[in-house]
């Protein structure tokens, strides 16, 4: 307990310092002096951050809700897998739909689907919960692709702001994402525990935020589109064709799939790893993770200010994830176990996540063609959903063995698998960094060019 509290205190001090320094960098000051850009950022941030808040609210109590309804671990695993599976089966269609029929419309549909996902949690019936996971899987695909696609199109095509300001927006959103995660954890605990409404409370709390997000989008956003010249099926296949025909897009997709697979698998690993060796204050540990993400977002801004290329930052994050996973595979061994080493490795991974998202968001804005932006971004998420489903299934098979040693071996195997993913991601990031070159002016309308 003392170690975690001390760590959190130190991390908060580092976070405050790095954020203050980052907010006074040249790129941040230049964008903040432009009143039109600040207004545009607010138009994007308000509904997007409300949507992220609603997403975070649902995370902490999903498993406990299913357990309270009386479902066995293997049934809960099936519900989790259903969510990721629906992203694979249905989520890939949301990209072409957004590009063809409008990204604003798809963001409004996200709000509706996620509200339905929350409402389904009221019932203990398995099929209602199953439907809720399907709605949630499709909604997540929209949240992490279409909102960004709308923003990039408005930024570059409609309002024609400098491209390097995109990094500023994504750094800010990543920072506030960490803040919202902490606040959502507190709000979820207040509703579920302090007020005694139970684990369904966070899902009900999320609904008003989704309604507000939808209202704000409807009133303030203008519509933008991708390719509308081809059929829906043609657009769907065109996105896949572009990925495999363009090496630079393919490499970026590999980096995203590998890094985010590690991130999703980690979500299912950190709690049992720490719980297996004593009582850790998981709420404080989670707060440490989120502060590290905020530090990482500030570090991204500081590195950019020192003229470190976003593609190089992406390579750094891949290396950090590899170091973290190698450390975890050693510290979670059956013969040797060091929870504090695992904890430090977890913090390193979270800091790399904070650097990763702004860098990846900017690079996607530069290399993915505008006509297929949401389409390709959803294709990028297919491998990570498939990988996460497979690993989750394997972990729950180990947990059913009623053998602590088998569980530990399963956790270590998952970390070893993550090492493979991180090494593949490192190679792809290295090749991407070699192929991708940026315009030295960094303010021209064509900030990036590809070296094939």
Protein backbone atom coordinates (compact mmCIF):
# COMPACT_ATOMS: atom_id res chain seq x y z
CA UNK A 1 0.00 0.00 0.00
CA UNK A 2 2.77 2.45 1.01
CA UNK A 3 4.78 1.72 -2.13
CA UNK A 4 1.77 2.36 -4.38
CA UNK A 5 0.80 5.60 -2.59
CA UNK A 6 4.41 6.85 -2.78
CA UNK A 7 4.63 5.91 -6.45
CA UNK A 8 1.37 7.69 -7.21
CA UNK A 9 2.56 10.83 -5.41
CA UNK A 10 5.85 10.87 -7.36
CA UNK A 11 4.06 10.23 -10.67
CA UNK A 12 1.61 13.08 -10.05
CA UNK A 13 4.54 15.46 -9.44
CA UNK A 14 6.22 14.29 -12.66
CA UNK A 15 2.92 14.62 -14.53
CA UNK A 16 2.36 18.20 -13.36
CA UNK A 17 5.92 19.17 -14.29
CA UNK A 18 5.92 17.56 -17.74
CA UNK A 19 2.48 18.91 -18.58
CA UNK A 20 3.50 22.46 -17.59
CA UNK A 21 6.64 22.25 -19.72
CA UNK A 22 4.73 20.68 -22.64
CA UNK A 23 2.06 23.39 -22.54
CA UNK A 24 4.76 26.01 -23.06
CA UNK A 25 6.38 24.43 -26.10
CA UNK A 26 6.40 26.28 -29.40
CA UNK A 27 3.88 24.02 -31.14
CA UNK A 28 1.40 24.22 -28.27
CA UNK A 29 1.71 27.99 -27.95
CA UNK A 30 1.35 28.56 -31.71
CA UNK A 31 -1.90 26.59 -31.91
CA UNK A 32 -3.29 28.06 -28.69
CA UNK A 33 -2.89 31.60 -30.05
CA UNK A 34 -5.22 30.85 -32.96
CA UNK A 35 -8.78 31.56 -31.80
CA UNK A 36 -10.36 29.63 -34.69
CA UNK A 37 -8.28 26.55 -33.94
CA UNK A 38 -9.13 26.68 -30.22
CA UNK A 39 -12.82 26.92 -31.11
CA UNK A 40 -12.53 23.97 -33.50
CA UNK A 41 -10.77 21.90 -30.85
CA UNK A 42 -13.60 22.59 -28.39
CA UNK A 43 -16.16 21.52 -30.98
CA UNK A 44 -14.31 18.21 -31.32
CA UNK A 45 -13.27 17.66 -27.71
CA UNK A 46 -16.65 18.12 -26.02
CA UNK A 47 -18.55 15.22 -27.66
CA UNK A 48 -15.44 13.05 -28.07
CA UNK A 49 -14.39 13.30 -24.43
CA UNK A 50 -18.00 12.71 -23.32
CA UNK A 51 -17.99 9.56 -25.44
CA UNK A 52 -14.67 8.44 -23.93
CA UNK A 53 -16.01 9.12 -20.43
CA UNK A 54 -19.03 6.91 -21.09
CA UNK A 55 -16.72 4.19 -22.36
CA UNK A 56 -14.47 4.36 -19.28
CA UNK A 57 -17.47 4.29 -16.93
CA UNK A 58 -18.46 0.85 -18.19
CA UNK A 59 -15.08 -0.82 -17.82
CA UNK A 60 -14.59 -1.46 -14.07
CA UNK A 61 -17.88 -3.25 -13.35
CA UNK A 62 -18.59 -5.36 -16.43
CA UNK A 63 -17.13 -8.57 -15.00
CA UNK A 64 -18.65 -8.00 -11.56
CA UNK A 65 -22.10 -7.35 -13.09
CA UNK A 66 -22.03 -10.62 -15.03
CA UNK A 67 -20.81 -12.45 -11.94
CA UNK A 68 -23.58 -10.96 -9.80
CA UNK A 69 -26.11 -12.16 -12.37
CA UNK A 70 -24.84 -15.67 -11.63
CA UNK A 71 -22.78 -16.44 -14.73
CA UNK A 72 -19.77 -18.75 -14.53
CA UNK A 73 -16.30 -17.54 -15.66
CA UNK A 74 -16.52 -19.45 -18.94
CA UNK A 75 -19.88 -17.80 -19.74
CA UNK A 76 -18.42 -14.39 -18.91
CA UNK A 77 -15.48 -15.15 -21.18
CA UNK A 78 -17.94 -15.96 -23.96
CA UNK A 79 -19.63 -12.58 -23.47
CA UNK A 80 -16.27 -10.79 -23.60
CA UNK A 81 -15.27 -12.69 -26.73
CA UNK A 82 -18.62 -11.77 -28.28
CA UNK A 83 -17.78 -8.09 -27.88
CA UNK A 84 -14.44 -8.42 -29.65
CA UNK A 85 -15.96 -10.75 -32.23
CA UNK A 86 -18.70 -8.28 -33.11
CA UNK A 87 -15.99 -5.67 -33.76
CA UNK A 88 -14.45 -8.08 -36.27
CA UNK A 89 -17.70 -9.15 -37.95
CA UNK A 90 -19.65 -5.90 -37.94
CA UNK A 91 -17.12 -3.21 -37.05
CA UNK A 92 -15.33 -3.45 -40.39
CA UNK A 93 -18.54 -2.31 -42.13
CA UNK A 94 -18.76 0.87 -40.06
CA UNK A 95 -15.76 2.39 -41.86
CA UNK A 96 -17.22 2.19 -45.38
CA UNK A 97 -20.58 3.33 -44.01
CA UNK A 98 -18.95 6.38 -42.40
CA UNK A 99 -16.96 7.27 -45.51
CA UNK A 100 -19.95 6.86 -47.82
CA UNK A 101 -22.91 8.14 -45.79
CA UNK A 102 -21.20 10.61 -43.46
CA UNK A 103 -18.95 10.47 -40.41
CA UNK A 104 -21.17 12.77 -38.36
CA UNK A 105 -24.09 10.36 -38.90
CA UNK A 106 -21.99 7.39 -37.78
CA UNK A 107 -20.90 9.23 -34.64
CA UNK A 108 -24.57 9.85 -33.83
CA UNK A 109 -25.28 6.15 -34.45
CA UNK A 110 -22.42 5.37 -32.03
CA UNK A 111 -24.26 7.27 -29.28
CA UNK A 112 -27.49 5.38 -29.99
CA UNK A 113 -25.82 1.96 -30.08
CA UNK A 114 -23.85 2.59 -26.91
CA UNK A 115 -27.01 3.70 -25.10
CA UNK A 116 -28.62 0.41 -26.18
CA UNK A 117 -25.53 -1.42 -24.91
CA UNK A 118 -25.99 0.20 -21.49
CA UNK A 119 -29.74 -0.47 -21.39
CA UNK A 120 -29.17 -4.17 -22.11
CA UNK A 121 -27.14 -4.43 -18.88
CA UNK A 122 -30.34 -3.93 -16.84
CA UNK A 123 -31.51 -7.44 -17.74
CA UNK A 124 -29.86 -10.58 -16.38
CA UNK A 125 -31.02 -12.58 -19.39
CA UNK A 126 -28.02 -14.02 -21.25
CA UNK A 127 -29.29 -13.07 -24.70
CA UNK A 128 -29.94 -9.48 -23.71
CA UNK A 129 -26.40 -9.31 -22.35
CA UNK A 130 -25.19 -10.96 -25.55
CA UNK A 131 -26.97 -8.29 -27.61
CA UNK A 132 -25.41 -5.62 -25.40
CA UNK A 133 -21.94 -6.96 -26.17
CA UNK A 134 -22.70 -6.87 -29.91
CA UNK A 135 -23.84 -3.24 -29.64
CA UNK A 136 -20.76 -2.47 -27.57
CA UNK A 137 -18.37 -4.08 -30.05
CA UNK A 138 -19.76 -2.12 -33.00
CA UNK A 139 -19.81 1.09 -30.95
CA UNK A 140 -16.17 0.69 -29.96
CA UNK A 141 -15.17 0.34 -33.61
CA UNK A 142 -16.89 3.63 -34.38
CA UNK A 143 -15.47 5.40 -31.33
CA UNK A 144 -11.86 4.61 -32.18
CA UNK A 145 -12.04 5.32 -35.90
CA UNK A 146 -14.89 7.56 -37.07
CA UNK A 147 -14.43 10.37 -34.53
CA UNK A 148 -10.79 10.68 -35.55
CA UNK A 149 -11.66 10.46 -39.25
CA UNK A 150 -14.16 13.31 -38.85
CA UNK A 151 -11.61 15.46 -37.03
CA UNK A 152 -8.76 14.92 -39.50
CA UNK A 153 -11.00 15.71 -42.48
CA UNK A 154 -12.24 18.92 -40.88
CA UNK A 155 -8.73 19.91 -39.84
CA UNK A 156 -6.97 19.29 -43.15
CA UNK A 157 -9.65 19.51 -45.84
CA UNK A 158 -12.29 21.95 -44.62
CA UNK A 159 -10.49 24.36 -42.27
CA UNK A 160 -6.97 23.81 -43.66
CA UNK A 161 -5.03 24.22 -40.42
CA UNK A 162 -1.31 23.23 -40.37
CA UNK A 163 -0.86 19.48 -40.16
CA UNK A 164 1.53 19.59 -37.20
CA UNK A 165 -1.31 20.97 -35.07
CA UNK A 166 -2.96 17.54 -35.36
CA UNK A 167 -0.34 16.17 -32.96
CA UNK A 168 -1.26 18.90 -30.47
CA UNK A 169 -4.92 17.86 -30.56
CA UNK A 170 -4.17 14.16 -30.10
CA UNK A 171 -1.72 14.87 -27.25
CA UNK A 172 -4.36 16.92 -25.45
CA UNK A 173 -7.05 14.27 -25.99
CA UNK A 174 -4.72 11.52 -24.70
CA UNK A 175 -3.91 13.60 -21.61
CA UNK A 176 -7.57 14.25 -20.83
CA UNK A 177 -8.40 10.64 -21.58
CA UNK A 178 -6.24 9.74 -18.58
CA UNK A 179 -7.99 12.33 -16.42
CA UNK A 180 -11.40 11.02 -17.48
CA UNK A 181 -10.38 7.44 -16.71
CA UNK A 182 -9.56 8.41 -13.13
CA UNK A 183 -12.77 10.43 -12.73
CA UNK A 184 -14.87 7.66 -14.25
CA UNK A 185 -13.42 5.14 -11.80
CA UNK A 186 -14.42 7.40 -8.91
CA UNK A 187 -17.89 8.00 -10.37
CA UNK A 188 -18.42 4.28 -10.94
CA UNK A 189 -17.45 3.52 -7.33
CA UNK A 190 -19.74 6.25 -6.01
CA UNK A 191 -22.75 4.88 -7.89
CA UNK A 192 -22.07 1.18 -7.37
CA UNK A 193 -20.60 1.10 -3.85
CA UNK A 194 -21.14 4.31 -1.91
CA UNK A 195 -24.74 4.89 -3.04
CA UNK A 196 -25.44 1.16 -3.10
CA UNK A 197 -26.97 0.92 -6.57
CA UNK A 198 -24.81 -2.05 -7.49
CA UNK A 199 -22.64 -2.80 -10.54
CA UNK A 200 -25.34 -1.75 -13.02
CA UNK A 201 -25.07 1.88 -11.81
CA UNK A 202 -22.03 2.92 -13.95
CA UNK A 203 -23.89 1.87 -17.11
CA UNK A 204 -26.86 4.03 -16.18
CA UNK A 205 -24.54 6.95 -15.34
CA UNK A 206 -22.99 6.67 -18.82
CA UNK A 207 -26.31 7.20 -20.64
CA UNK A 208 -26.70 10.97 -19.93
CA UNK A 209 -23.15 11.60 -21.17
CA UNK A 210 -23.93 9.76 -24.41
CA UNK A 211 -27.10 11.80 -24.85
CA UNK A 212 -25.14 15.04 -24.32
CA UNK A 213 -22.51 13.88 -26.82
CA UNK A 214 -25.19 13.16 -29.43
CA UNK A 215 -26.89 16.52 -28.90
CA UNK A 216 -23.59 18.40 -29.21
CA UNK A 217 -22.64 16.53 -32.38
CA UNK A 218 -26.05 17.20 -33.93
CA UNK A 219 -25.89 20.92 -33.15
CA UNK A 220 -22.25 21.82 -33.81
CA UNK A 221 -20.66 19.35 -36.25
CA UNK A 222 -20.83 19.66 -40.02
CA UNK A 223 -20.94 16.52 -42.14
CA UNK A 224 -17.92 15.21 -44.04
CA UNK A 225 -17.43 12.16 -46.22
CA UNK A 226 -14.86 9.86 -47.71
CA UNK A 227 -15.31 8.07 -51.02
CA UNK A 228 -18.89 8.22 -52.34
CA UNK A 229 -18.13 7.21 -55.93
CA UNK A 230 -18.11 3.43 -55.45
CA UNK A 231 -20.58 0.95 -54.05
CA UNK A 232 -20.56 0.01 -50.37
CA UNK A 233 -19.11 -3.43 -51.17
CA UNK A 234 -16.53 -1.88 -53.46
CA UNK A 235 -15.51 0.62 -50.78
CA UNK A 236 -15.25 -2.20 -48.22
CA UNK A 237 -12.86 -4.20 -50.42
CA UNK A 238 -11.00 -1.12 -51.66
CA UNK A 239 -9.81 -0.34 -48.15
CA UNK A 240 -8.29 -3.81 -47.82
CA UNK A 241 -6.71 -3.56 -51.26
CA UNK A 242 -5.07 -0.23 -50.44
CA UNK A 243 -3.60 -1.65 -47.21
CA UNK A 244 -1.89 -4.55 -48.99
CA UNK A 245 -0.81 -2.54 -52.03
CA UNK A 246 0.78 0.32 -50.10
CA UNK A 247 3.76 -0.84 -47.95
CA UNK A 248 3.76 2.26 -45.76
CA UNK A 249 0.06 1.85 -44.82
CA UNK A 250 0.55 -1.88 -44.31
CA UNK A 251 3.49 -1.32 -41.93
CA UNK A 252 1.57 1.28 -39.95
CA UNK A 253 -1.34 -1.16 -39.67
CA UNK A 254 0.99 -3.90 -38.39
CA UNK A 255 2.39 -1.55 -35.72
CA UNK A 256 -1.12 -0.59 -34.60
CA UNK A 257 -2.38 -4.18 -34.53
CA UNK A 258 0.61 -5.46 -32.55
CA UNK A 259 0.81 -2.60 -30.04
CA UNK A 260 -2.90 -2.40 -29.33
CA UNK A 261 -3.18 -6.19 -29.05
CA UNK A 262 -0.58 -6.01 -26.27
CA UNK A 263 -2.56 -3.21 -24.66
CA UNK A 264 -5.85 -5.14 -24.70
CA UNK A 265 -4.27 -8.37 -23.46
CA UNK A 266 -2.59 -6.42 -20.66
CA UNK A 267 -6.03 -5.29 -19.43
CA UNK A 268 -6.84 -8.92 -18.58
CA UNK A 269 -3.43 -9.67 -17.05
CA UNK A 270 -2.47 -6.94 -14.61
CA UNK A 271 -5.12 -7.58 -11.95
CA UNK A 272 -4.52 -11.36 -11.55
CA UNK A 273 -0.74 -10.83 -11.64
CA UNK A 274 -0.82 -8.40 -8.72
CA UNK A 275 -3.60 -10.23 -6.84
CA UNK A 276 -1.68 -13.52 -7.00
CA UNK A 277 1.03 -12.22 -4.63
CA UNK A 278 -0.90 -10.26 -2.04
CA UNK A 279 -3.49 -7.55 -1.62
CA UNK A 280 -2.75 -4.57 -3.86
CA UNK A 281 -4.93 -1.42 -3.81
CA UNK A 282 -6.15 -1.86 -7.37
CA UNK A 283 -7.90 1.51 -7.52
CA UNK A 284 -4.65 3.31 -6.68
CA UNK A 285 -2.73 1.10 -9.09
CA UNK A 286 -5.19 2.01 -11.84
CA UNK A 287 -4.70 5.69 -10.98
CA UNK A 288 -0.92 5.20 -11.35
CA UNK A 289 -1.51 3.74 -14.80
CA UNK A 290 -3.63 6.67 -15.91
CA UNK A 291 -1.12 9.23 -14.60
CA UNK A 292 1.58 7.42 -16.62
CA UNK A 293 -0.57 7.79 -19.75
CA UNK A 294 -0.82 11.52 -19.03
CA UNK A 295 2.97 11.71 -18.59
CA UNK A 296 3.42 9.86 -21.89
CA UNK A 297 1.19 12.33 -23.75
CA UNK A 298 3.28 15.23 -22.40
CA UNK A 299 6.49 13.41 -23.33
CA UNK A 300 5.19 13.08 -26.89
CA UNK A 301 4.82 16.86 -27.08
CA UNK A 302 8.29 17.43 -25.60
CA UNK A 303 9.90 15.02 -28.06
CA UNK A 304 8.16 16.69 -31.00
CA UNK A 305 9.41 20.06 -29.76
CA UNK A 306 12.95 18.65 -29.91
CA UNK A 307 12.33 17.71 -33.56
CA UNK A 308 11.96 13.98 -32.89
CA UNK A 309 9.85 12.63 -35.73
CA UNK A 310 6.46 11.04 -34.91
CA UNK A 311 7.62 7.86 -36.69
CA UNK A 312 10.63 7.73 -34.35
CA UNK A 313 8.35 8.19 -31.33
CA UNK A 314 6.32 5.24 -32.64
CA UNK A 315 9.50 3.15 -32.72
CA UNK A 316 10.35 4.23 -29.17
CA UNK A 317 6.92 3.14 -27.92
CA UNK A 318 7.33 -0.26 -29.59
CA UNK A 319 10.71 -0.71 -27.90
CA UNK A 320 9.23 0.27 -24.52
CA UNK A 321 6.43 -2.28 -24.90
CA UNK A 322 9.01 -4.98 -25.68
CA UNK A 323 11.08 -4.12 -22.59
CA UNK A 324 7.92 -4.12 -20.47
CA UNK A 325 6.74 -7.51 -21.71
CA UNK A 326 10.19 -9.11 -21.37
CA UNK A 327 10.36 -7.87 -17.77
CA UNK A 328 6.87 -9.23 -17.04
CA UNK A 329 7.66 -12.64 -18.52
CA UNK A 330 10.58 -12.89 -16.08
CA UNK A 331 8.88 -11.39 -13.03
CA UNK A 332 5.77 -13.61 -13.30
CA UNK A 333 7.64 -16.91 -13.54
CA UNK A 334 6.65 -19.93 -11.45
CA UNK A 335 10.08 -20.22 -9.83
CA UNK A 336 10.71 -16.47 -9.51
CA UNK A 337 8.07 -13.83 -8.84
CA UNK A 338 8.62 -10.11 -8.32
CA UNK A 339 5.35 -8.15 -8.18
CA UNK A 340 7.15 -4.82 -7.82
CA UNK A 341 9.15 -5.48 -10.99
CA UNK A 342 5.90 -6.33 -12.77
CA UNK A 343 4.36 -3.12 -11.42
CA UNK A 344 7.24 -1.01 -12.76
CA UNK A 345 6.97 -2.78 -16.13
CA UNK A 346 3.25 -2.00 -16.19
CA UNK A 347 4.01 1.69 -15.57
CA UNK A 348 6.49 1.71 -18.46
CA UNK A 349 3.88 0.20 -20.77
CA UNK A 350 1.28 2.79 -19.74
CA UNK A 351 3.70 5.67 -20.34
CA UNK A 352 4.44 4.26 -23.80
CA UNK A 353 0.67 4.12 -24.47
CA UNK A 354 0.49 7.83 -23.66
CA UNK A 355 3.19 8.53 -26.27
CA UNK A 356 1.77 6.05 -28.78
CA UNK A 357 -1.73 7.42 -29.35
CA UNK A 358 -0.80 11.00 -30.36
CA UNK A 359 2.00 9.72 -32.62
CA UNK A 360 -0.19 7.06 -34.22
CA UNK A 361 -3.09 9.48 -34.68
CA UNK A 362 -0.86 11.98 -36.47
CA UNK A 363 0.77 9.35 -38.70
CA UNK A 364 -2.60 7.91 -39.67
CA UNK A 365 -3.69 11.41 -40.67
CA UNK A 366 -0.67 11.65 -43.00
CA UNK A 367 -0.57 8.25 -44.73
CA UNK A 368 -4.20 7.07 -44.94
CA UNK A 369 -6.09 8.51 -47.94
CA UNK A 370 -8.97 10.75 -46.94
CA UNK A 371 -11.46 8.94 -49.18
CA UNK A 372 -11.05 5.67 -47.21
CA UNK A 373 -9.91 6.93 -43.81
CA UNK A 374 -12.57 5.37 -41.55
CA UNK A 375 -12.63 2.23 -43.72
CA UNK A 376 -8.88 1.54 -43.38
CA UNK A 377 -8.80 2.46 -39.70
CA UNK A 378 -11.43 -0.18 -38.97
CA UNK A 379 -9.48 -2.79 -40.95
CA UNK A 380 -6.48 -2.00 -38.74
CA UNK A 381 -8.54 -3.11 -35.72
CA UNK A 382 -9.45 -6.54 -37.11
CA UNK A 383 -6.20 -8.37 -36.23
CA UNK A 384 -6.10 -6.98 -32.68
CA UNK A 385 -9.68 -8.12 -32.02
CA UNK A 386 -8.93 -11.62 -33.35
CA UNK A 387 -5.73 -11.87 -31.30
CA UNK A 388 -7.43 -10.60 -28.15
CA UNK A 389 -10.27 -13.11 -28.52
CA UNK A 390 -7.81 -16.00 -28.87
CA UNK A 391 -5.70 -14.98 -25.88
CA UNK A 392 -8.75 -14.31 -23.70
CA UNK A 393 -10.12 -17.75 -24.52
CA UNK A 394 -6.77 -19.34 -23.62
CA UNK A 395 -6.52 -17.44 -20.32
CA UNK A 396 -9.99 -18.48 -19.21
CA UNK A 397 -9.26 -22.12 -20.06
CA UNK A 398 -6.31 -21.92 -17.69
CA UNK A 399 -8.41 -20.24 -14.99
CA UNK A 400 -10.88 -23.16 -15.08
CA UNK A 401 -8.16 -25.63 -14.11
CA UNK A 402 -8.41 -24.65 -10.38
CA UNK A 403 -4.64 -24.78 -10.28
CA UNK A 404 -2.68 -21.66 -9.26
CA UNK A 405 0.43 -22.95 -11.01
CA UNK A 406 -1.52 -23.43 -14.24
CA UNK A 407 -2.87 -19.90 -13.95
CA UNK A 408 0.61 -18.48 -13.41
CA UNK A 409 1.92 -20.46 -16.38
CA UNK A 410 -0.97 -19.10 -18.44
CA UNK A 411 -0.13 -15.51 -17.45
CA UNK A 412 3.53 -16.03 -18.25
CA UNK A 413 2.63 -17.61 -21.60
CA UNK A 414 0.50 -14.58 -22.40
CA UNK A 415 3.44 -12.29 -21.64
CA UNK A 416 5.72 -14.44 -23.80
CA UNK A 417 3.19 -14.17 -26.61
CA UNK A 418 3.15 -10.41 -26.06
CA UNK A 419 6.93 -10.39 -26.49
CA UNK A 420 6.47 -11.91 -29.95
CA UNK A 421 3.84 -9.27 -30.77
CA UNK A 422 6.10 -6.48 -29.53
CA UNK A 423 9.07 -7.72 -31.56
CA UNK A 424 6.95 -7.90 -34.72
CA UNK A 425 5.70 -4.38 -33.96
CA UNK A 426 9.28 -3.16 -33.42
CA UNK A 427 10.41 -4.49 -36.80
CA UNK A 428 7.38 -2.93 -38.52
CA UNK A 429 7.96 0.39 -36.71
CA UNK A 430 11.64 0.35 -37.72
CA UNK A 431 10.79 -0.28 -41.38
CA UNK A 432 8.06 2.36 -41.27
CA UNK A 433 10.49 4.86 -39.76
CA UNK A 434 12.96 4.15 -42.59
CA UNK A 435 10.37 4.54 -45.34
CA UNK A 436 8.39 7.51 -44.04
CA UNK A 437 9.85 10.98 -44.56
CA UNK A 438 8.39 14.33 -43.55
CA UNK A 439 8.59 17.70 -45.15
CA UNK A 440 11.12 19.79 -43.21
CA UNK A 441 8.81 22.82 -43.32
CA UNK A 442 6.24 20.86 -41.31
CA UNK A 443 3.63 23.53 -42.04
CA UNK A 444 3.10 22.95 -45.72
CA UNK A 445 -0.21 21.54 -46.91
CA UNK A 446 1.61 18.34 -47.77
CA UNK A 447 3.48 17.64 -44.55
CA UNK A 448 4.40 14.09 -45.31
CA UNK A 449 5.54 12.20 -48.33
CA UNK A 450 6.21 8.53 -48.88
CA UNK A 451 9.46 7.04 -49.95
CA UNK A 452 8.55 3.84 -51.73
